[in-house]
Amino acid sequence: MNAKAALAVLALLSGPLHAQGFAGLGTAAEGFAVPQRPAQFDFPADHGPHPAYRIEWWYLTATLTGPDGTDYGAQWTLFRSALTPRPAEGWGATQLWMGHAGLTTPDAHYSAERLARGGIGQAGAQVGEGAAPFTAWIDDWAMTSTAAAGQDAYDALTLTARGDAFAYDLNLSAIGPLVFHGDGGYSVKSSEGQASYYYSQPFYEVTGTLELPGGAVPVIGTAWLDREWSSQPLSDTQEGWDWVSLQFENGARMMGFALREGGGGVFTSATWIAADGTTTAYPDGALTMTPLATTRVAGRDVPTEWRIELPAQGVEIETSPLNPQAWMDVSVSYWEGPIRFTGSHRGRGYLEMTGHD
C-alpha cells in the first residue's frame, strides 16, 4: 500500500473513534487482541502503545483561564490505528497515526489535523527510551513527560501543538492519582459486551501560553487525560456518542458517556471520582443525558446544552458551552469544546459529541 492510500485508510479507521460513523469499531477484530477481564495494567509500559490492538488514543482536554478572566479550552489527541495485526517496519509499517488539536475561545474555535505513517519516525509513542520516561508525537506536536525519577510518567507533562492560526505550549502537573473506569479499567461499551481498556489522569493543574491571532495569552487551569485501547469496543448498531468530563468546585470529578443506538436507545456509563481519587463505577442506566437546546453548527443541528443526571451522587446539572460553534473541522468531523455547568453542582468540563448529522 502506498503512503497516500495508507493515510486515506487512516482517516477511515481512526475517524470512527470520535466521529459520525461507528461501523468501523463494530466490525470483527479477527487477528487483533481484545480486552479481557480482569483488567491488568503494567506501568509505565501501558502508558505507551499497544500495537496488538486495532485502535488506541491519547486524549487530553484542558479548561483554561486568561489574566482577564476569559475562559479558553484546548484539546490534544493522538490516535493510533492498525491496518492489520501483522507487524512490519519502515514504509511497510501497519501502524497509522492521526493527530487533532483544538483551541476554543468565546468568539472563535480553531482546529488542526496531522496524518502520519508509523515506522518512519514521523509519529509514535514510546516509554522509557531516551531522556523522557514517556513521549507521544506527530510532526512537531508532542506530549512529553517531565516527571522525576520514581514518579508516574504521567505525573508531569509538556504539551505542544499548532495550526495555521493558533498554537499552545502547556505544562501539566498531576495532583491526584490515575483512575480506572468500569471494572478496574475494563470499560463495557454495549449491551452485547464489547469493551475497551480505559483509564484517565483527571487531576492536572496547568500553566502555559496560548498563541492567538491577537497575540500570546498566559493561562492557568486544569486538564484531563484519557487513555483507551481496544479492537472492537462498540456494537455495529451504535452510531455516535456524547461524552463529558466534569470537574466540580468541591474537587470531585466525573466521567460519563451515552452511546446512541440506531433505533433510538442509548448505552450509558459513568465514573464518579472523589477528590482523593476514589472511584465509583456506574453501569448502563445510572446516567441520564438529555439535550436541552441545539445550535446550527457546520450545516447541522447539534445539541449544545444538556441536562446531566446521576441520581446516585445527587448530580442534576445543566451545561452551557463556552462557544457553541466548537466544531472540529477535520477529516472526520465532530463537536468538542469546554463547558460550564450549574445546578446541584457547579464547575467546568469538556463535552464531545459525534454522529449528530
Protein backbone atom coordinates (compact mmCIF):
# COMPACT_ATOMS: atom_id res chain seq x y z
CA MET A 1 0.00 0.00 0.00
CA ASN A 2 1.43 3.43 -0.91
CA ALA A 3 1.66 6.29 1.57
CA LYS A 4 -1.30 8.23 0.16
CA ALA A 5 -3.56 5.19 0.32
CA ALA A 6 -2.38 4.44 3.84
CA LEU A 7 -3.31 7.91 5.01
CA ALA A 8 -6.75 7.56 3.44
CA VAL A 9 -7.24 4.30 5.33
CA LEU A 10 -6.07 6.03 8.50
CA ALA A 11 -8.85 8.59 8.14
CA LEU A 12 -11.38 5.82 7.66
CA LEU A 13 -10.12 3.70 10.55
CA SER A 14 -9.35 6.44 13.02
CA GLY A 15 -12.37 8.54 12.23
CA PRO A 16 -14.91 6.28 13.96
CA LEU A 17 -13.10 6.72 17.25
CA HIS A 18 -14.76 10.12 17.72
CA ALA A 19 -16.74 10.54 14.57
CA GLN A 20 -20.06 10.31 12.86
CA GLY A 21 -19.79 6.71 11.71
CA PHE A 22 -19.11 3.95 14.23
CA ALA A 23 -19.33 0.97 11.88
CA GLY A 24 -15.54 0.65 11.82
CA LEU A 25 -15.45 -0.08 15.55
CA GLY A 26 -18.32 -2.54 15.41
CA THR A 27 -16.71 -4.85 12.86
CA ALA A 28 -14.98 -8.08 13.77
CA ALA A 29 -11.42 -7.81 15.05
CA GLU A 30 -10.04 -11.07 13.68
CA GLY A 31 -6.35 -11.45 14.44
CA PHE A 32 -6.21 -8.50 16.85
CA ALA A 33 -6.01 -8.75 20.63
CA VAL A 34 -9.20 -7.95 22.57
CA PRO A 35 -9.58 -6.73 26.17
CA GLN A 36 -10.13 -9.40 28.81
CA ARG A 37 -11.37 -9.48 32.39
CA PRO A 38 -9.85 -8.94 34.85
CA ALA A 39 -8.08 -5.87 33.51
CA GLN A 40 -4.39 -5.98 34.36
CA PHE A 41 -2.15 -2.96 33.81
CA ASP A 42 1.62 -2.72 33.68
CA PHE A 43 3.01 0.77 34.17
CA PRO A 44 4.84 2.56 32.75
CA ALA A 45 4.58 0.22 29.73
CA ASP A 46 0.82 0.72 29.37
CA HIS A 47 1.28 4.47 29.01
CA GLY A 48 2.85 3.62 25.65
CA PRO A 49 1.38 1.99 22.52
CA HIS A 50 -0.34 -1.40 22.20
CA PRO A 51 0.22 -2.41 18.56
CA ALA A 52 -1.53 -5.78 19.01
CA TYR A 53 -4.83 -3.87 19.38
CA ARG A 54 -6.56 -2.23 16.43
CA ILE A 55 -7.23 1.26 17.84
CA GLU A 56 -5.86 3.47 20.59
CA TRP A 57 -5.71 7.11 21.68
CA TRP A 58 -4.11 9.65 23.99
CA TYR A 59 -6.75 12.34 24.51
CA LEU A 60 -6.20 15.49 26.59
CA THR A 61 -8.61 18.37 27.20
CA ALA A 62 -7.83 21.49 29.23
CA THR A 63 -10.13 24.18 30.67
CA LEU A 64 -8.10 27.37 30.90
CA THR A 65 -8.41 30.99 32.07
CA GLY A 66 -6.50 34.09 30.96
CA PRO A 67 -5.33 37.00 33.14
CA ASP A 68 -8.53 38.97 32.48
CA GLY A 69 -10.80 36.05 33.44
CA THR A 70 -11.55 34.94 29.87
CA ASP A 71 -12.19 31.21 29.50
CA TYR A 72 -10.42 29.05 26.91
CA GLY A 73 -10.26 25.37 26.04
CA ALA A 74 -7.51 23.25 24.46
CA GLN A 75 -7.62 19.74 23.02
CA TRP A 76 -4.68 17.46 22.03
CA THR A 77 -5.31 13.99 20.63
CA LEU A 78 -3.12 11.30 19.10
CA PHE A 79 -4.88 8.32 17.51
CA ARG A 80 -3.17 5.07 16.51
CA SER A 81 -4.81 2.63 14.09
CA ALA A 82 -3.51 -0.73 12.87
CA LEU A 83 -4.24 -1.78 9.30
CA THR A 84 -3.55 -5.43 10.09
CA PRO A 85 -2.35 -7.39 13.13
CA ARG A 86 0.86 -8.27 11.28
CA PRO A 87 3.84 -6.10 12.30
CA ALA A 88 6.09 -4.52 9.70
CA GLU A 89 8.78 -1.84 9.62
CA GLY A 90 9.54 1.32 7.64
CA TRP A 91 7.12 2.31 4.90
CA GLY A 92 5.56 -1.14 5.22
CA ALA A 93 4.52 -0.43 8.83
CA THR A 94 0.91 -1.26 9.58
CA GLN A 95 0.55 1.34 12.37
CA LEU A 96 -1.01 4.62 11.22
CA TRP A 97 -1.33 7.83 13.23
CA MET A 98 -3.62 10.87 13.29
CA GLY A 99 -3.36 13.97 15.49
CA HIS A 100 -6.07 16.51 16.31
CA ALA A 101 -5.54 19.84 18.07
CA GLY A 102 -8.22 22.33 19.01
CA LEU A 103 -8.30 25.72 20.72
CA THR A 104 -11.57 27.34 21.79
CA THR A 105 -12.23 30.95 22.79
CA PRO A 106 -15.59 32.63 23.48
CA ASP A 107 -15.55 34.04 19.94
CA ALA A 108 -13.64 31.50 17.83
CA HIS A 109 -12.73 27.84 17.50
CA TYR A 110 -9.56 26.63 15.79
CA SER A 111 -8.75 23.08 14.74
CA ALA A 112 -5.87 21.32 13.02
CA GLU A 113 -5.02 17.80 11.92
CA ARG A 114 -1.88 15.79 11.22
CA LEU A 115 -1.63 12.39 9.46
CA ALA A 116 1.38 10.09 9.52
CA ARG A 117 2.59 6.62 8.66
CA GLY A 118 4.23 4.75 11.52
CA GLY A 119 7.65 3.16 11.16
CA ILE A 120 9.48 6.16 9.71
CA GLY A 121 9.74 8.35 12.83
CA GLN A 122 7.13 10.94 11.83
CA ALA A 123 4.76 9.91 14.64
CA GLY A 124 4.58 7.49 17.50
CA ALA A 125 4.63 6.95 21.24
CA GLN A 126 7.24 5.36 23.45
CA VAL A 127 8.02 4.75 27.09
CA GLY A 128 11.42 4.74 28.77
CA GLU A 129 13.54 5.44 25.71
CA GLY A 130 15.83 8.46 25.58
CA ALA A 131 15.74 11.24 28.16
CA ALA A 132 11.95 11.28 28.73
CA PRO A 133 10.08 8.50 30.53
CA PHE A 134 7.23 8.95 28.02
CA THR A 135 6.66 10.83 24.79
CA ALA A 136 3.98 10.82 22.08
CA TRP A 137 4.33 12.92 18.95
CA ILE A 138 3.22 13.61 15.42
CA ASP A 139 5.36 16.01 13.40
CA ASP A 140 6.14 18.95 15.73
CA TRP A 141 3.25 18.26 18.12
CA ALA A 142 4.31 16.47 21.29
CA MET A 143 3.17 15.23 24.68
CA THR A 144 6.29 14.59 26.74
CA SER A 145 6.78 13.50 30.32
CA THR A 146 8.86 15.69 32.62
CA ALA A 147 8.19 13.52 35.67
CA ALA A 148 11.03 12.99 38.13
CA ALA A 149 12.57 9.57 38.71
CA GLY A 150 10.26 7.41 40.79
CA GLN A 151 7.11 9.27 39.73
CA ASP A 152 4.48 8.01 37.33
CA ALA A 153 5.37 9.10 33.80
CA TYR A 154 2.04 10.97 33.52
CA ASP A 155 2.57 12.95 36.73
CA ALA A 156 4.11 15.83 34.76
CA LEU A 157 3.81 16.59 31.05
CA THR A 158 4.52 19.26 28.49
CA LEU A 159 2.09 19.66 25.61
CA THR A 160 2.61 21.46 22.31
CA ALA A 161 0.61 21.84 19.09
CA ARG A 162 -0.01 24.41 16.41
CA GLY A 163 -2.30 25.12 13.50
CA ASP A 164 -2.48 27.85 10.87
CA ALA A 165 -3.90 30.46 13.29
CA PHE A 166 -3.11 29.14 16.77
CA ALA A 167 -0.62 27.33 18.95
CA TYR A 168 -0.23 26.35 22.58
CA ASP A 169 2.54 25.34 24.94
CA LEU A 170 1.27 23.92 28.24
CA ASN A 171 2.82 22.44 31.38
CA LEU A 172 0.78 19.90 33.36
CA SER A 173 1.29 18.63 36.89
CA ALA A 174 -0.92 15.92 38.42
CA ILE A 175 -2.20 16.45 41.97
CA GLY A 176 -4.07 13.14 42.19
CA PRO A 177 -3.82 9.50 41.08
CA LEU A 178 -4.68 7.69 37.88
CA VAL A 179 -8.28 6.44 37.83
CA PHE A 180 -9.72 3.35 36.13
CA HIS A 181 -13.15 3.26 34.54
CA GLY A 182 -15.68 0.45 34.53
CA ASP A 183 -14.48 -2.77 36.16
CA GLY A 184 -10.96 -1.74 37.15
CA GLY A 185 -10.23 -0.32 33.69
CA TYR A 186 -12.35 -2.79 31.69
CA SER A 187 -14.95 -0.41 30.21
CA VAL A 188 -18.05 -2.04 28.68
CA LYS A 189 -19.49 -0.13 25.73
CA SER A 190 -22.62 -2.05 24.72
CA SER A 191 -25.26 -4.49 25.92
CA GLU A 192 -23.52 -7.09 23.75
CA GLY A 193 -20.40 -6.79 25.89
CA GLN A 194 -17.90 -5.01 23.63
CA ALA A 195 -15.29 -3.26 25.75
CA SER A 196 -12.04 -1.32 25.90
CA TYR A 197 -9.28 -0.74 28.40
CA TYR A 198 -9.86 2.78 29.73
CA TYR A 199 -8.11 4.86 32.38
CA SER A 200 -7.56 8.58 32.98
CA GLN A 201 -5.43 11.15 34.74
CA PRO A 202 -8.12 13.76 35.62
CA PHE A 203 -6.16 15.79 38.19
CA TYR A 204 -3.85 18.05 36.21
CA GLU A 205 -3.09 21.64 37.11
CA VAL A 206 -1.99 23.63 34.05
CA THR A 207 0.09 26.68 33.25
CA GLY A 208 1.20 27.84 29.84
CA THR A 209 0.71 30.10 26.86
CA LEU A 210 -1.78 30.26 24.01
CA GLU A 211 -0.81 31.86 20.70
CA LEU A 212 -3.82 33.50 19.07
CA PRO A 213 -4.21 35.94 16.16
CA GLY A 214 -4.31 38.77 18.72
CA GLY A 215 -1.10 37.67 20.42
CA ALA A 216 0.13 35.50 23.27
CA VAL A 217 -2.13 34.80 26.27
CA PRO A 218 -0.76 33.30 29.51
CA VAL A 219 -3.24 30.84 31.03
CA ILE A 220 -3.83 28.66 34.07
CA GLY A 221 -6.36 25.89 34.52
CA THR A 222 -6.98 22.17 34.79
CA ALA A 223 -6.75 19.24 32.39
CA TRP A 224 -7.90 15.66 31.91
CA LEU A 225 -6.05 12.89 30.00
CA ASP A 226 -7.90 9.83 28.70
CA ARG A 227 -6.14 6.63 27.62
CA GLU A 228 -8.08 3.94 25.81
CA TRP A 229 -7.37 0.99 23.52
CA SER A 230 -9.29 -1.93 22.06
CA SER A 231 -10.03 -3.74 18.81
CA GLN A 232 -13.83 -3.95 18.73
CA PRO A 233 -15.17 -1.73 21.53
CA LEU A 234 -18.58 -0.91 20.04
CA SER A 235 -21.61 -2.65 18.66
CA ASP A 236 -22.31 -2.38 14.94
CA THR A 237 -25.66 -0.76 15.80
CA GLN A 238 -24.11 2.23 17.60
CA GLU A 239 -23.99 5.46 15.60
CA GLY A 240 -22.39 8.07 17.84
CA TRP A 241 -21.69 9.17 21.36
CA ASP A 242 -21.95 12.06 23.79
CA TRP A 243 -19.17 12.22 26.38
CA VAL A 244 -18.41 14.58 29.26
CA SER A 245 -15.60 15.08 31.72
CA LEU A 246 -16.67 17.24 34.66
CA GLN A 247 -14.58 18.97 37.32
CA PHE A 248 -16.64 20.06 40.34
CA GLU A 249 -15.83 23.05 42.53
CA ASN A 250 -15.56 20.71 45.55
CA GLY A 251 -12.66 18.82 43.92
CA ALA A 252 -14.61 15.77 42.71
CA ARG A 253 -14.64 14.70 39.07
CA MET A 254 -17.00 12.70 36.87
CA MET A 255 -16.78 10.96 33.50
CA GLY A 256 -19.92 9.95 31.64
CA PHE A 257 -20.94 8.85 28.17
CA ALA A 258 -24.05 7.85 26.27
CA LEU A 259 -23.56 5.70 23.17
CA ARG A 260 -26.51 6.12 20.81
CA GLU A 261 -28.14 3.13 19.15
CA GLY A 262 -29.61 3.29 15.65
CA GLY A 263 -33.11 2.58 16.97
CA GLY A 264 -33.03 5.46 19.43
CA GLY A 265 -31.76 3.67 22.54
CA VAL A 266 -28.60 4.52 24.46
CA PHE A 267 -25.96 2.67 26.44
CA THR A 268 -24.50 4.71 29.29
CA SER A 269 -21.61 4.53 31.71
CA ALA A 270 -20.26 6.86 34.38
CA THR A 271 -17.41 7.08 36.85
CA TRP A 272 -17.63 9.21 39.99
CA ILE A 273 -14.19 10.32 41.15
CA ALA A 274 -13.92 11.69 44.69
CA ALA A 275 -11.44 14.47 45.40
CA ASP A 276 -8.95 11.90 46.76
CA GLY A 277 -9.19 9.78 43.59
CA THR A 278 -11.50 7.09 44.98
CA THR A 279 -13.79 5.90 42.19
CA THR A 280 -17.32 4.52 41.95
CA ALA A 281 -18.38 3.00 38.62
CA TYR A 282 -21.98 3.19 37.42
CA PRO A 283 -23.36 0.77 34.80
CA ASP A 284 -25.79 1.27 31.95
CA GLY A 285 -28.89 3.21 33.02
CA ALA A 286 -27.49 5.07 36.02
CA LEU A 287 -26.59 8.17 33.99
CA THR A 288 -29.06 10.30 32.03
CA MET A 289 -28.02 12.85 29.41
CA THR A 290 -30.86 14.93 27.97
CA PRO A 291 -30.41 17.56 25.23
CA LEU A 292 -31.92 20.93 26.16
CA ALA A 293 -31.04 23.17 23.20
CA THR A 294 -29.49 22.83 19.76
CA THR A 295 -27.25 25.08 17.71
CA ARG A 296 -26.83 25.17 13.95
CA VAL A 297 -23.20 24.13 13.52
CA ALA A 298 -21.47 23.29 10.23
CA GLY A 299 -24.80 22.77 8.49
CA ARG A 300 -26.36 20.51 11.12
CA ASP A 301 -28.30 20.84 14.36
CA VAL A 302 -26.08 19.90 17.30
CA PRO A 303 -27.29 19.65 20.94
CA THR A 304 -25.02 22.10 22.73
CA GLU A 305 -26.85 22.42 26.06
CA TRP A 306 -27.56 19.36 28.22
CA ARG A 307 -29.12 18.19 31.45
CA ILE A 308 -26.93 15.54 33.07
CA GLU A 309 -28.21 13.45 35.96
CA LEU A 310 -26.50 10.85 38.13
CA PRO A 311 -29.01 10.39 40.99
CA ALA A 312 -26.75 8.06 42.97
CA GLN A 313 -24.41 11.02 43.57
CA GLY A 314 -27.11 13.71 43.71
CA VAL A 315 -25.98 15.19 40.39
CA GLU A 316 -28.55 17.18 38.40
CA ILE A 317 -26.81 19.84 36.35
CA GLU A 318 -27.28 21.85 33.19
CA THR A 319 -24.35 22.57 30.87
CA SER A 320 -23.62 25.52 28.59
CA PRO A 321 -20.77 25.72 26.05
CA LEU A 322 -18.05 28.34 26.04
CA ASN A 323 -18.56 28.51 22.28
CA PRO A 324 -21.42 26.57 20.66
CA GLN A 325 -19.51 26.60 17.35
CA ALA A 326 -16.68 24.39 18.66
CA TRP A 327 -16.63 22.17 15.59
CA MET A 328 -13.52 20.13 14.81
CA ASP A 329 -13.20 20.64 11.06
CA VAL A 330 -11.00 17.62 10.36
CA SER A 331 -11.16 14.53 8.14
CA VAL A 332 -13.97 13.04 10.17
CA SER A 333 -15.54 15.99 11.97
CA TYR A 334 -17.16 16.24 15.41
CA TRP A 335 -18.05 18.76 18.15
CA GLU A 336 -15.60 19.21 21.03
CA GLY A 337 -15.39 22.12 23.44
CA PRO A 338 -15.24 23.41 27.02
CA ILE A 339 -18.39 23.82 29.09
CA ARG A 340 -19.59 25.26 32.38
CA PHE A 341 -22.39 23.76 34.45
CA THR A 342 -24.75 24.78 37.25
CA GLY A 343 -27.47 23.10 39.32
CA SER A 344 -26.81 20.65 42.12
CA HIS A 345 -23.09 21.19 41.44
CA ARG A 346 -21.04 23.88 39.72
CA GLY A 347 -17.87 23.60 37.72
CA ARG A 348 -16.21 23.26 34.34
CA GLY A 349 -15.53 20.44 31.94
CA TYR A 350 -15.45 19.24 28.36
CA LEU A 351 -18.14 17.90 26.05
CA GLU A 352 -17.58 15.74 22.98
CA MET A 353 -20.36 14.78 20.56
CA THR A 354 -20.21 12.59 17.48
CA GLY A 355 -22.71 11.40 14.93
CA HIS A 356 -25.16 14.32 15.08
CA ASP A 357 -26.00 14.63 11.39
